[in-house]
Amino acid sequence: MKTPEEVIAALTGCKSTDLIAIILEAAEQTILSLTNRTKLIPPLEVARRDLAVVMINRLGTEGESSRSEGGISVSFEEMPKAIQAAIETYRLARVCGHAFEAVQNQDV
């Protein structure tokens, strides 16, 4: 089984392990912010990897919504709808400004 870092390197051609680690952390923080969670849950690992791939592929085009060069037009989405839908599935609602996460039973 390949690690998320290995999968991202294979999908993007990125050879910098430091850059991949930074982008994975940024993708995780984005997902946590969108879901009102404090920890990434296993079902969101694929969304983190996919978002990191998008973020690496968009390096150098930050802030652009579209571009035209040599008769070719390209438009960018903030986040692909498939990734956004996967993230929203695990979003916690806020009640009185607080999101309640399930607490795992711990043997003391």
PDB file of N, CA and C in Angstrom:
ATOM      1  N   MET A   1       0.850  -1.171   0.000  1.00  0.00           N
ATOM      2  CA  MET A   1       0.000   0.000   0.000  1.00  0.00           C
ATOM      3  C   MET A   1       0.899   1.239   0.000  1.00  0.00           C
ATOM      4  N   LYS A   2       0.634   2.137  -0.921  1.00  0.00           N
ATOM      5  CA  LYS A   2       1.438   3.356  -1.020  1.00  0.00           C
ATOM      6  C   LYS A   2       0.939   4.409  -0.039  1.00  0.00           C
ATOM      7  N   THR A   3       1.865   5.218   0.440  1.00  0.00           N
ATOM      8  CA  THR A   3       1.509   6.319   1.328  1.00  0.00           C
ATOM      9  C   THR A   3       0.878   7.436   0.503  1.00  0.00           C
ATOM     10  N   PRO A   4       0.139   8.349   1.148  1.00  0.00           N
ATOM     11  CA  PRO A   4      -0.416   9.487   0.401  1.00  0.00           C
ATOM     12  C   PRO A   4       0.671  10.283  -0.318  1.00  0.00           C
ATOM     13  N   GLU A   5       1.827  10.410   0.302  1.00  0.00           N
ATOM     14  CA  GLU A   5       2.934  11.142  -0.306  1.00  0.00           C
ATOM     15  C   GLU A   5       3.391  10.472  -1.591  1.00  0.00           C
ATOM     16  N   GLU A   6       3.482   9.143  -1.592  1.00  0.00           N
ATOM     17  CA  GLU A   6       3.897   8.398  -2.782  1.00  0.00           C
ATOM     18  C   GLU A   6       2.856   8.510  -3.892  1.00  0.00           C
ATOM     19  N   VAL A   7       1.586   8.459  -3.518  1.00  0.00           N
ATOM     20  CA  VAL A   7       0.507   8.579  -4.509  1.00  0.00           C
ATOM     21  C   VAL A   7       0.538   9.965  -5.143  1.00  0.00           C
ATOM     22  N   ILE A   8       0.701  10.991  -4.331  1.00  0.00           N
ATOM     23  CA  ILE A   8       0.744  12.365  -4.851  1.00  0.00           C
ATOM     24  C   ILE A   8       1.944  12.546  -5.774  1.00  0.00           C
ATOM     25  N   ALA A   9       3.099  12.022  -5.380  1.00  0.00           N
ATOM     26  CA  ALA A   9       4.290  12.122  -6.231  1.00  0.00           C
ATOM     27  C   ALA A   9       4.056  11.426  -7.570  1.00  0.00           C
ATOM     28  N   ALA A  10       3.403  10.270  -7.545  1.00  0.00           N
ATOM     29  CA  ALA A  10       3.132   9.547  -8.790  1.00  0.00           C
ATOM     30  C   ALA A  10       2.128  10.289  -9.667  1.00  0.00           C
ATOM     31  N   LEU A  11       1.110  10.874  -9.066  1.00  0.00           N
ATOM     32  CA  LEU A  11       0.070  11.565  -9.838  1.00  0.00           C
ATOM     33  C   LEU A  11       0.523  12.915 -10.388  1.00  0.00           C
ATOM     34  N   THR A  12       1.398  13.600  -9.666  1.00  0.00           N
ATOM     35  CA  THR A  12       1.777  14.952 -10.068  1.00  0.00           C
ATOM     36  C   THR A  12       3.170  15.052 -10.665  1.00  0.00           C
ATOM     37  N   GLY A  13       4.018  14.065 -10.405  1.00  0.00           N
ATOM     38  CA  GLY A  13       5.405  14.148 -10.852  1.00  0.00           C
ATOM     39  C   GLY A  13       6.263  14.998  -9.934  1.00  0.00           C
ATOM     40  N   CYS A  14       5.682  15.455  -8.823  1.00  0.00           N
ATOM     41  CA  CYS A  14       6.411  16.290  -7.854  1.00  0.00           C
ATOM     42  C   CYS A  14       7.419  15.414  -7.114  1.00  0.00           C
ATOM     43  N   LYS A  15       8.666  15.844  -7.099  1.00  0.00           N
ATOM     44  CA  LYS A  15       9.710  15.056  -6.453  1.00  0.00           C
ATOM     45  C   LYS A  15      10.087  15.608  -5.073  1.00  0.00           C
ATOM     46  N   SER A  16       9.582  16.779  -4.735  1.00  0.00           N
ATOM     47  CA  SER A  16       9.931  17.414  -3.461  1.00  0.00           C
ATOM     48  C   SER A  16       9.054  16.883  -2.330  1.00  0.00           C
ATOM     49  N   THR A  17       9.645  16.100  -1.448  1.00  0.00           N
ATOM     50  CA  THR A  17       8.883  15.567  -0.316  1.00  0.00           C
ATOM     51  C   THR A  17       8.479  16.688   0.639  1.00  0.00           C
ATOM     52  N   ASP A  18       9.312  17.727   0.737  1.00  0.00           N
ATOM     53  CA  ASP A  18       8.964  18.861   1.598  1.00  0.00           C
ATOM     54  C   ASP A  18       7.731  19.584   1.065  1.00  0.00           C
ATOM     55  N   LEU A  19       7.692  19.826  -0.243  1.00  0.00           N
ATOM     56  CA  LEU A  19       6.536  20.501  -0.844  1.00  0.00           C
ATOM     57  C   LEU A  19       5.277  19.658  -0.671  1.00  0.00           C
ATOM     58  N   ILE A  20       5.379  18.361  -0.889  1.00  0.00           N
ATOM     59  CA  ILE A  20       4.217  17.474  -0.730  1.00  0.00           C
ATOM     60  C   ILE A  20       3.719  17.520   0.710  1.00  0.00           C
ATOM     61  N   ALA A  21       4.624  17.498   1.681  1.00  0.00           N
ATOM     62  CA  ALA A  21       4.230  17.561   3.103  1.00  0.00           C
ATOM     63  C   ALA A  21       3.528  18.874   3.416  1.00  0.00           C
ATOM     64  N   ILE A  22       4.044  19.976   2.892  1.00  0.00           N
ATOM     65  CA  ILE A  22       3.437  21.291   3.127  1.00  0.00           C
ATOM     66  C   ILE A  22       2.044  21.351   2.512  1.00  0.00           C
ATOM     67  N   ILE A  23       1.898  20.852   1.296  1.00  0.00           N
ATOM     68  CA  ILE A  23       0.606  20.879   0.604  1.00  0.00           C
ATOM     69  C   ILE A  23      -0.392  19.955   1.301  1.00  0.00           C
ATOM     70  N   LEU A  24       0.046  18.784   1.751  1.00  0.00           N
ATOM     71  CA  LEU A  24      -0.850  17.886   2.494  1.00  0.00           C
ATOM     72  C   LEU A  24      -1.353  18.545   3.770  1.00  0.00           C
ATOM     73  N   GLU A  25      -0.473  19.259   4.460  1.00  0.00           N
ATOM     74  CA  GLU A  25      -0.876  19.968   5.680  1.00  0.00           C
ATOM     75  C   GLU A  25      -1.885  21.072   5.346  1.00  0.00           C
ATOM     76  N   ALA A  26      -1.634  21.809   4.262  1.00  0.00           N
ATOM     77  CA  ALA A  26      -2.562  22.871   3.851  1.00  0.00           C
ATOM     78  C   ALA A  26      -3.916  22.290   3.461  1.00  0.00           C
ATOM     79  N   ALA A  27      -3.913  21.162   2.756  1.00  0.00           N
ATOM     80  CA  ALA A  27      -5.168  20.504   2.364  1.00  0.00           C
ATOM     81  C   ALA A  27      -5.923  20.043   3.608  1.00  0.00           C
ATOM     82  N   GLU A  28      -5.202  19.481   4.582  1.00  0.00           N
ATOM     83  CA  GLU A  28      -5.833  19.026   5.822  1.00  0.00           C
ATOM     84  C   GLU A  28      -6.456  20.197   6.581  1.00  0.00           C
ATOM     85  N   GLN A  29      -5.743  21.306   6.685  1.00  0.00           N
ATOM     86  CA  GLN A  29      -6.270  22.475   7.391  1.00  0.00           C
ATOM     87  C   GLN A  29      -7.505  23.040   6.687  1.00  0.00           C
ATOM     88  N   THR A  30      -7.501  23.018   5.360  1.00  0.00           N
ATOM     89  CA  THR A  30      -8.671  23.470   4.595  1.00  0.00           C
ATOM     90  C   THR A  30      -9.868  22.587   4.897  1.00  0.00           C
ATOM     91  N   ILE A  31      -9.663  21.277   4.899  1.00  0.00           N
ATOM     92  CA  ILE A  31     -10.747  20.333   5.159  1.00  0.00           C
ATOM     93  C   ILE A  31     -11.266  20.489   6.593  1.00  0.00           C
ATOM     94  N   LEU A  32     -10.364  20.610   7.559  1.00  0.00           N
ATOM     95  CA  LEU A  32     -10.787  20.786   8.950  1.00  0.00           C
ATOM     96  C   LEU A  32     -11.609  22.057   9.107  1.00  0.00           C
ATOM     97  N   SER A  33     -11.198  23.105   8.437  1.00  0.00           N
ATOM     98  CA  SER A  33     -11.932  24.370   8.500  1.00  0.00           C
ATOM     99  C   SER A  33     -13.326  24.229   7.890  1.00  0.00           C
ATOM    100  N   LEU A  34     -13.423  23.531   6.770  1.00  0.00           N
ATOM    101  CA  LEU A  34     -14.714  23.368   6.089  1.00  0.00           C
ATOM    102  C   LEU A  34     -15.661  22.425   6.834  1.00  0.00           C
ATOM    103  N   THR A  35     -15.091  21.498   7.603  1.00  0.00           N
ATOM    104  CA  THR A  35     -15.923  20.507   8.286  1.00  0.00           C
ATOM    105  C   THR A  35     -16.164  20.836   9.758  1.00  0.00           C
ATOM    106  N   ASN A  36     -15.551  21.891  10.252  1.00  0.00           N
ATOM    107  CA  ASN A  36     -15.672  22.268  11.675  1.00  0.00           C
ATOM    108  C   ASN A  36     -15.126  21.182  12.591  1.00  0.00           C
ATOM    109  N   ARG A  37     -14.129  20.477  12.158  1.00  0.00           N
ATOM    110  CA  ARG A  37     -13.517  19.402  12.952  1.00  0.00           C
ATOM    111  C   ARG A  37     -12.149  19.838  13.468  1.00  0.00           C
ATOM    112  N   THR A  38     -11.650  19.102  14.468  1.00  0.00           N
ATOM    113  CA  THR A  38     -10.312  19.375  14.994  1.00  0.00           C
ATOM    114  C   THR A  38      -9.312  18.312  14.562  1.00  0.00           C
ATOM    115  N   LYS A  39      -9.821  17.136  14.145  1.00  0.00           N
ATOM    116  CA  LYS A  39      -8.967  16.049  13.669  1.00  0.00           C
ATOM    117  C   LYS A  39      -9.538  15.508  12.372  1.00  0.00           C
ATOM    118  N   LEU A  40      -8.658  15.090  11.469  1.00  0.00           N
ATOM    119  CA  LEU A  40      -9.086  14.499  10.207  1.00  0.00           C
ATOM    120  C   LEU A  40      -9.522  13.060  10.454  1.00  0.00           C
ATOM    121  N   ILE A  41     -10.721  12.718  10.024  1.00  0.00           N
ATOM    122  CA  ILE A  41     -11.219  11.356  10.200  1.00  0.00           C
ATOM    123  C   ILE A  41     -10.852  10.530   8.961  1.00  0.00           C
ATOM    124  N   PRO A  42     -10.719   9.210   9.112  1.00  0.00           N
ATOM    125  CA  PRO A  42     -10.284   8.361   7.998  1.00  0.00           C
ATOM    126  C   PRO A  42     -11.073   8.541   6.683  1.00  0.00           C
ATOM    127  N   PRO A  43     -12.404   8.710   6.709  1.00  0.00           N
ATOM    128  CA  PRO A  43     -13.102   8.874   5.428  1.00  0.00           C
ATOM    129  C   PRO A  43     -12.680  10.125   4.648  1.00  0.00           C
ATOM    130  N   LEU A  44     -12.044  11.084   5.308  1.00  0.00           N
ATOM    131  CA  LEU A  44     -11.617  12.308   4.631  1.00  0.00           C
ATOM    132  C   LEU A  44     -10.183  12.239   4.104  1.00  0.00           C
ATOM    133  N   GLU A  45      -9.496  11.128   4.325  1.00  0.00           N
ATOM    134  CA  GLU A  45      -8.116  10.980   3.845  1.00  0.00           C
ATOM    135  C   GLU A  45      -8.040  11.075   2.313  1.00  0.00           C
ATOM    136  N   VAL A  46      -8.995  10.470   1.615  1.00  0.00           N
ATOM    137  CA  VAL A  46      -8.991  10.514   0.145  1.00  0.00           C
ATOM    138  C   VAL A  46      -9.227  11.944  -0.331  1.00  0.00           C
ATOM    139  N   ALA A  47     -10.135  12.660   0.325  1.00  0.00           N
ATOM    140  CA  ALA A  47     -10.385  14.052  -0.046  1.00  0.00           C
ATOM    141  C   ALA A  47      -9.127  14.888   0.185  1.00  0.00           C
ATOM    142  N   ARG A  48      -8.402  14.615   1.256  1.00  0.00           N
ATOM    143  CA  ARG A  48      -7.150  15.336   1.538  1.00  0.00           C
ATOM    144  C   ARG A  48      -6.134  15.097   0.430  1.00  0.00           C
ATOM    145  N   ARG A  49      -5.988  13.834   0.042  1.00  0.00           N
ATOM    146  CA  ARG A  49      -5.040  13.497  -1.027  1.00  0.00           C
ATOM    147  C   ARG A  49      -5.446  14.165  -2.334  1.00  0.00           C
ATOM    148  N   ASP A  50      -6.742  14.065  -2.687  1.00  0.00           N
ATOM    149  CA  ASP A  50      -7.215  14.645  -3.940  1.00  0.00           C
ATOM    150  C   ASP A  50      -7.078  16.166  -3.952  1.00  0.00           C
ATOM    151  N   LEU A  51      -7.376  16.801  -2.833  1.00  0.00           N
ATOM    152  CA  LEU A  51      -7.234  18.250  -2.737  1.00  0.00           C
ATOM    153  C   LEU A  51      -5.763  18.642  -2.843  1.00  0.00           C
ATOM    154  N   ALA A  52      -4.873  17.871  -2.246  1.00  0.00           N
ATOM    155  CA  ALA A  52      -3.436  18.145  -2.340  1.00  0.00           C
ATOM    156  C   ALA A  52      -2.961  18.047  -3.790  1.00  0.00           C
ATOM    157  N   VAL A  53      -3.455  17.072  -4.543  1.00  0.00           N
ATOM    158  CA  VAL A  53      -3.093  16.946  -5.963  1.00  0.00           C
ATOM    159  C   VAL A  53      -3.540  18.191  -6.723  1.00  0.00           C
ATOM    160  N   VAL A  54      -4.766  18.637  -6.473  1.00  0.00           N
ATOM    161  CA  VAL A  54      -5.273  19.849  -7.130  1.00  0.00           C
ATOM    162  C   VAL A  54      -4.410  21.046  -6.754  1.00  0.00           C
ATOM    163  N   MET A  55      -4.060  21.161  -5.484  1.00  0.00           N
ATOM    164  CA  MET A  55      -3.259  22.295  -5.018  1.00  0.00           C
ATOM    165  C   MET A  55      -1.874  22.297  -5.669  1.00  0.00           C
ATOM    166  N   ILE A  56      -1.257  21.140  -5.804  1.00  0.00           N
ATOM    167  CA  ILE A  56       0.060  21.064  -6.449  1.00  0.00           C
ATOM    168  C   ILE A  56      -0.062  21.419  -7.925  1.00  0.00           C
ATOM    169  N   ASN A  57      -1.087  20.900  -8.578  1.00  0.00           N
ATOM    170  CA  ASN A  57      -1.270  21.197  -9.996  1.00  0.00           C
ATOM    171  C   ASN A  57      -1.575  22.671 -10.248  1.00  0.00           C
ATOM    172  N   ARG A  58      -2.109  23.369  -9.258  1.00  0.00           N
ATOM    173  CA  ARG A  58      -2.451  24.783  -9.407  1.00  0.00           C
ATOM    174  C   ARG A  58      -1.331  25.722  -8.961  1.00  0.00           C
ATOM    175  N   LEU A  59      -0.206  25.193  -8.511  1.00  0.00           N
ATOM    176  CA  LEU A  59       0.905  26.054  -8.101  1.00  0.00           C
ATOM    177  C   LEU A  59       1.285  26.970  -9.262  1.00  0.00           C
ATOM    178  N   GLY A  60       1.435  28.245  -8.968  1.00  0.00           N
ATOM    179  CA  GLY A  60       1.781  29.225  -9.988  1.00  0.00           C
ATOM    180  C   GLY A  60       0.573  29.898 -10.616  1.00  0.00           C
ATOM    181  N   THR A  61      -0.634  29.378 -10.316  1.00  0.00           N
ATOM    182  CA  THR A  61      -1.850  29.988 -10.868  1.00  0.00           C
ATOM    183  C   THR A  61      -2.763  30.485  -9.756  1.00  0.00           C
ATOM    184  N   GLU A  62      -2.216  30.625  -8.553  1.00  0.00           N
ATOM    185  CA  GLU A  62      -3.013  31.067  -7.419  1.00  0.00           C
ATOM    186  C   GLU A  62      -3.666  32.413  -7.727  1.00  0.00           C
ATOM    187  N   GLY A  63      -4.927  32.530  -7.362  1.00  0.00           N
ATOM    188  CA  GLY A  63      -5.643  33.781  -7.551  1.00  0.00           C
ATOM    189  C   GLY A  63      -6.275  33.955  -8.925  1.00  0.00           C
ATOM    190  N   GLU A  64      -5.951  33.087  -9.869  1.00  0.00           N
ATOM    191  CA  GLU A  64      -6.534  33.189 -11.208  1.00  0.00           C
ATOM    192  C   GLU A  64      -7.858  32.449 -11.268  1.00  0.00           C
ATOM    193  N   SER A  65      -8.820  33.024 -11.978  1.00  0.00           N
ATOM    194  CA  SER A  65     -10.075  32.321 -12.204  1.00  0.00           C
ATOM    195  C   SER A  65     -10.139  31.806 -13.637  1.00  0.00           C
ATOM    196  N   SER A  66      -9.409  32.462 -14.542  1.00  0.00           N
ATOM    197  CA  SER A  66      -9.317  31.988 -15.927  1.00  0.00           C
ATOM    198  C   SER A  66      -8.078  32.579 -16.573  1.00  0.00           C
ATOM    199  N   ARG A  67      -7.684  31.979 -17.704  1.00  0.00           N
ATOM    200  CA  ARG A  67      -6.496  32.432 -18.415  1.00  0.00           C
ATOM    201  C   ARG A  67      -6.653  32.079 -19.893  1.00  0.00           C
ATOM    202  N   SER A  68      -6.172  32.945 -20.758  1.00  0.00           N
ATOM    203  CA  SER A  68      -6.160  32.681 -22.197  1.00  0.00           C
ATOM    204  C   SER A  68      -4.750  32.904 -22.722  1.00  0.00           C
ATOM    205  N   GLU A  69      -4.235  31.902 -23.418  1.00  0.00           N
ATOM    206  CA  GLU A  69      -2.898  31.997 -24.013  1.00  0.00           C
ATOM    207  C   GLU A  69      -2.908  31.285 -25.347  1.00  0.00           C
ATOM    208  N   GLY A  70      -2.498  31.975 -26.390  1.00  0.00           N
ATOM    209  CA  GLY A  70      -2.371  31.341 -27.706  1.00  0.00           C
ATOM    210  C   GLY A  70      -3.656  30.716 -28.200  1.00  0.00           C
ATOM    211  N   GLY A  71      -4.779  31.340 -27.929  1.00  0.00           N
ATOM    212  CA  GLY A  71      -6.061  30.811 -28.386  1.00  0.00           C
ATOM    213  C   GLY A  71      -6.629  29.710 -27.510  1.00  0.00           C
ATOM    214  N   ILE A  72      -5.954  29.386 -26.422  1.00  0.00           N
ATOM    215  CA  ILE A  72      -6.442  28.355 -25.502  1.00  0.00           C
ATOM    216  C   ILE A  72      -6.929  29.045 -24.232  1.00  0.00           C
ATOM    217  N   SER A  73      -8.160  28.759 -23.847  1.00  0.00           N
ATOM    218  CA  SER A  73      -8.726  29.327 -22.630  1.00  0.00           C
ATOM    219  C   SER A  73      -8.838  28.251 -21.565  1.00  0.00           C
ATOM    220  N   VAL A  74      -8.440  28.616 -20.360  1.00  0.00           N
ATOM    221  CA  VAL A  74      -8.510  27.694 -19.221  1.00  0.00           C
ATOM    222  C   VAL A  74      -9.226  28.417 -18.093  1.00  0.00           C
ATOM    223  N   SER A  75     -10.186  27.736 -17.451  1.00  0.00           N
ATOM    224  CA  SER A  75     -10.829  28.318 -16.271  1.00  0.00           C
ATOM    225  C   SER A  75     -10.616  27.381 -15.093  1.00  0.00           C
ATOM    226  N   PHE A  76     -10.548  27.977 -13.905  1.00  0.00           N
ATOM    227  CA  PHE A  76     -10.250  27.221 -12.690  1.00  0.00           C
ATOM    228  C   PHE A  76     -11.423  27.296 -11.725  1.00  0.00           C
ATOM    229  N   GLU A  77     -11.652  26.199 -11.011  1.00  0.00           N
ATOM    230  CA  GLU A  77     -12.624  26.176  -9.923  1.00  0.00           C
ATOM    231  C   GLU A  77     -11.844  26.357  -8.624  1.00  0.00           C
ATOM    232  N   GLU A  78     -12.522  26.882  -7.612  1.00  0.00           N
ATOM    233  CA  GLU A  78     -11.886  26.962  -6.295  1.00  0.00           C
ATOM    234  C   GLU A  78     -11.513  25.554  -5.825  1.00  0.00           C
ATOM    235  N   MET A  79     -12.493  24.653  -5.891  1.00  0.00           N
ATOM    236  CA  MET A  79     -12.296  23.270  -5.489  1.00  0.00           C
ATOM    237  C   MET A  79     -13.242  22.426  -6.350  1.00  0.00           C
ATOM    238  N   PRO A  80     -12.741  21.333  -6.940  1.00  0.00           N
ATOM    239  CA  PRO A  80     -13.635  20.499  -7.746  1.00  0.00           C
ATOM    240  C   PRO A  80     -14.858  20.048  -6.946  1.00  0.00           C
ATOM    241  N   LYS A  81     -15.998  20.001  -7.612  1.00  0.00           N
ATOM    242  CA  LYS A  81     -17.264  19.669  -6.941  1.00  0.00           C
ATOM    243  C   LYS A  81     -17.250  18.291  -6.289  1.00  0.00           C
ATOM    244  N   ALA A  82     -16.577  17.330  -6.883  1.00  0.00           N
ATOM    245  CA  ALA A  82     -16.527  15.984  -6.292  1.00  0.00           C
ATOM    246  C   ALA A  82     -15.814  15.996  -4.942  1.00  0.00           C
ATOM    247  N   ILE A  83     -14.725  16.749  -4.841  1.00  0.00           N
ATOM    248  CA  ILE A  83     -14.002  16.841  -3.573  1.00  0.00           C
ATOM    249  C   ILE A  83     -14.844  17.606  -2.559  1.00  0.00           C
ATOM    250  N   GLN A  84     -15.456  18.687  -3.000  1.00  0.00           N
ATOM    251  CA  GLN A  84     -16.288  19.493  -2.105  1.00  0.00           C
ATOM    252  C   GLN A  84     -17.457  18.676  -1.562  1.00  0.00           C
ATOM    253  N   ALA A  85     -18.085  17.863  -2.406  1.00  0.00           N
ATOM    254  CA  ALA A  85     -19.209  17.031  -1.960  1.00  0.00           C
ATOM    255  C   ALA A  85     -18.746  16.005  -0.930  1.00  0.00           C
ATOM    256  N   ALA A  86     -17.565  15.411  -1.159  1.00  0.00           N
ATOM    257  CA  ALA A  86     -17.040  14.425  -0.204  1.00  0.00           C
ATOM    258  C   ALA A  86     -16.760  15.072   1.147  1.00  0.00           C
ATOM    259  N   ILE A  87     -16.254  16.288   1.131  1.00  0.00           N
ATOM    260  CA  ILE A  87     -15.956  16.999   2.370  1.00  0.00           C
ATOM    261  C   ILE A  87     -17.241  17.382   3.099  1.00  0.00           C
ATOM    262  N   GLU A  88     -18.212  17.902   2.362  1.00  0.00           N
ATOM    263  CA  GLU A  88     -19.465  18.358   2.982  1.00  0.00           C
ATOM    264  C   GLU A  88     -20.244  17.227   3.633  1.00  0.00           C
ATOM    265  N   THR A  89     -20.040  16.006   3.166  1.00  0.00           N
ATOM    266  CA  THR A  89     -20.706  14.850   3.758  1.00  0.00           C
ATOM    267  C   THR A  89     -20.346  14.700   5.233  1.00  0.00           C
ATOM    268  N   TYR A  90     -19.134  15.090   5.601  1.00  0.00           N
ATOM    269  CA  TYR A  90     -18.648  14.903   6.973  1.00  0.00           C
ATOM    270  C   TYR A  90     -18.574  16.215   7.749  1.00  0.00           C
ATOM    271  N   ARG A  91     -19.281  17.218   7.285  1.00  0.00           N
ATOM    272  CA  ARG A  91     -19.282  18.523   7.956  1.00  0.00           C
ATOM    273  C   ARG A  91     -20.115  18.451   9.231  1.00  0.00           C
ATOM    274  N   LEU A  92     -19.579  19.015  10.308  1.00  0.00           N
ATOM    275  CA  LEU A  92     -20.309  19.093  11.573  1.00  0.00           C
ATOM    276  C   LEU A  92     -21.046  20.424  11.636  1.00  0.00           C
ATOM    277  N   ALA A  93     -22.283  20.369  12.076  1.00  0.00           N
ATOM    278  CA  ALA A  93     -23.061  21.593  12.244  1.00  0.00           C
ATOM    279  C   ALA A  93     -22.600  22.303  13.505  1.00  0.00           C
ATOM    280  N   ARG A  94     -22.697  23.604  13.483  1.00  0.00           N
ATOM    281  CA  ARG A  94     -22.366  24.393  14.667  1.00  0.00           C
ATOM    282  C   ARG A  94     -23.651  24.696  15.420  1.00  0.00           C
ATOM    283  N   VAL A  95     -23.611  24.523  16.743  1.00  0.00           N
ATOM    284  CA  VAL A  95     -24.738  24.840  17.616  1.00  0.00           C
ATOM    285  C   VAL A  95     -24.232  25.860  18.621  1.00  0.00           C
ATOM    286  N   CYS A  96     -24.825  27.019  18.612  1.00  0.00           N
ATOM    287  CA  CYS A  96     -24.400  28.104  19.506  1.00  0.00           C
ATOM    288  C   CYS A  96     -22.901  28.372  19.370  1.00  0.00           C
ATOM    289  N   GLY A  97     -22.403  28.302  18.135  1.00  0.00           N
ATOM    290  CA  GLY A  97     -20.999  28.608  17.877  1.00  0.00           C
ATOM    291  C   GLY A  97     -20.035  27.489  18.191  1.00  0.00           C
ATOM    292  N   HIS A  98     -20.532  26.285  18.491  1.00  0.00           N
ATOM    293  CA  HIS A  98     -19.649  25.191  18.833  1.00  0.00           C
ATOM    294  C   HIS A  98     -20.034  23.958  18.014  1.00  0.00           C
ATOM    295  N   ALA A  99     -19.033  23.279  17.440  1.00  0.00           N
ATOM    296  CA  ALA A  99     -19.260  22.028  16.723  1.00  0.00           C
ATOM    297  C   ALA A  99     -18.877  20.881  17.649  1.00  0.00           C
ATOM    298  N   PHE A 100     -19.766  19.923  17.806  1.00  0.00           N
ATOM    299  CA  PHE A 100     -19.524  18.812  18.720  1.00  0.00           C
ATOM    300  C   PHE A 100     -19.059  17.589  17.942  1.00  0.00           C
ATOM    301  N   GLU A 101     -17.857  17.113  18.263  1.00  0.00           N
ATOM    302  CA  GLU A 101     -17.314  15.913  17.647  1.00  0.00           C
ATOM    303  C   GLU A 101     -17.575  14.730  18.568  1.00  0.00           C
ATOM    304  N   ALA A 102     -17.764  13.563  17.962  1.00  0.00           N
ATOM    305  CA  ALA A 102     -17.952  12.350  18.756  1.00  0.00           C
ATOM    306  C   ALA A 102     -16.651  12.043  19.484  1.00  0.00           C
ATOM    307  N   VAL A 103     -16.756  11.635  20.722  1.00  0.00           N
ATOM    308  CA  VAL A 103     -15.589  11.286  21.517  1.00  0.00           C
ATOM    309  C   VAL A 103     -15.526   9.766  21.581  1.00  0.00           C
ATOM    310  N   GLN A 104     -14.342   9.226  21.256  1.00  0.00           N
ATOM    311  CA  GLN A 104     -14.138   7.791  21.290  1.00  0.00           C
ATOM    312  C   GLN A 104     -14.066   7.321  22.746  1.00  0.00           C
ATOM    313  N   ASN A 105     -14.600   6.137  23.010  1.00  0.00           N
ATOM    314  CA  ASN A 105     -14.481   5.552  24.354  1.00  0.00           C
ATOM    315  C   ASN A 105     -13.018   5.215  24.597  1.00  0.00           C
ATOM    316  N   GLN A 106     -12.513   5.608  25.735  1.00  0.00           N
ATOM    317  CA  GLN A 106     -11.140   5.340  26.069  1.00  0.00           C
ATOM    318  C   GLN A 106     -11.100   4.577  27.386  1.00  0.00           C
ATOM    319  N   ASP A 107     -10.357   3.499  27.384  1.00  0.00           N
ATOM    320  CA  ASP A 107     -10.164   2.743  28.620  1.00  0.00           C
ATOM    321  C   ASP A 107      -9.087   3.438  29.437  1.00  0.00           C
ATOM    322  N   VAL A 108      -9.391   3.720  30.681  1.00  0.00           N
ATOM    323  CA  VAL A 108      -8.433   4.422  31.539  1.00  0.00           C
ATOM    324  C   VAL A 108      -7.703   3.456  32.399  1.00  0.00           C
TER     325      VAL A 108
END
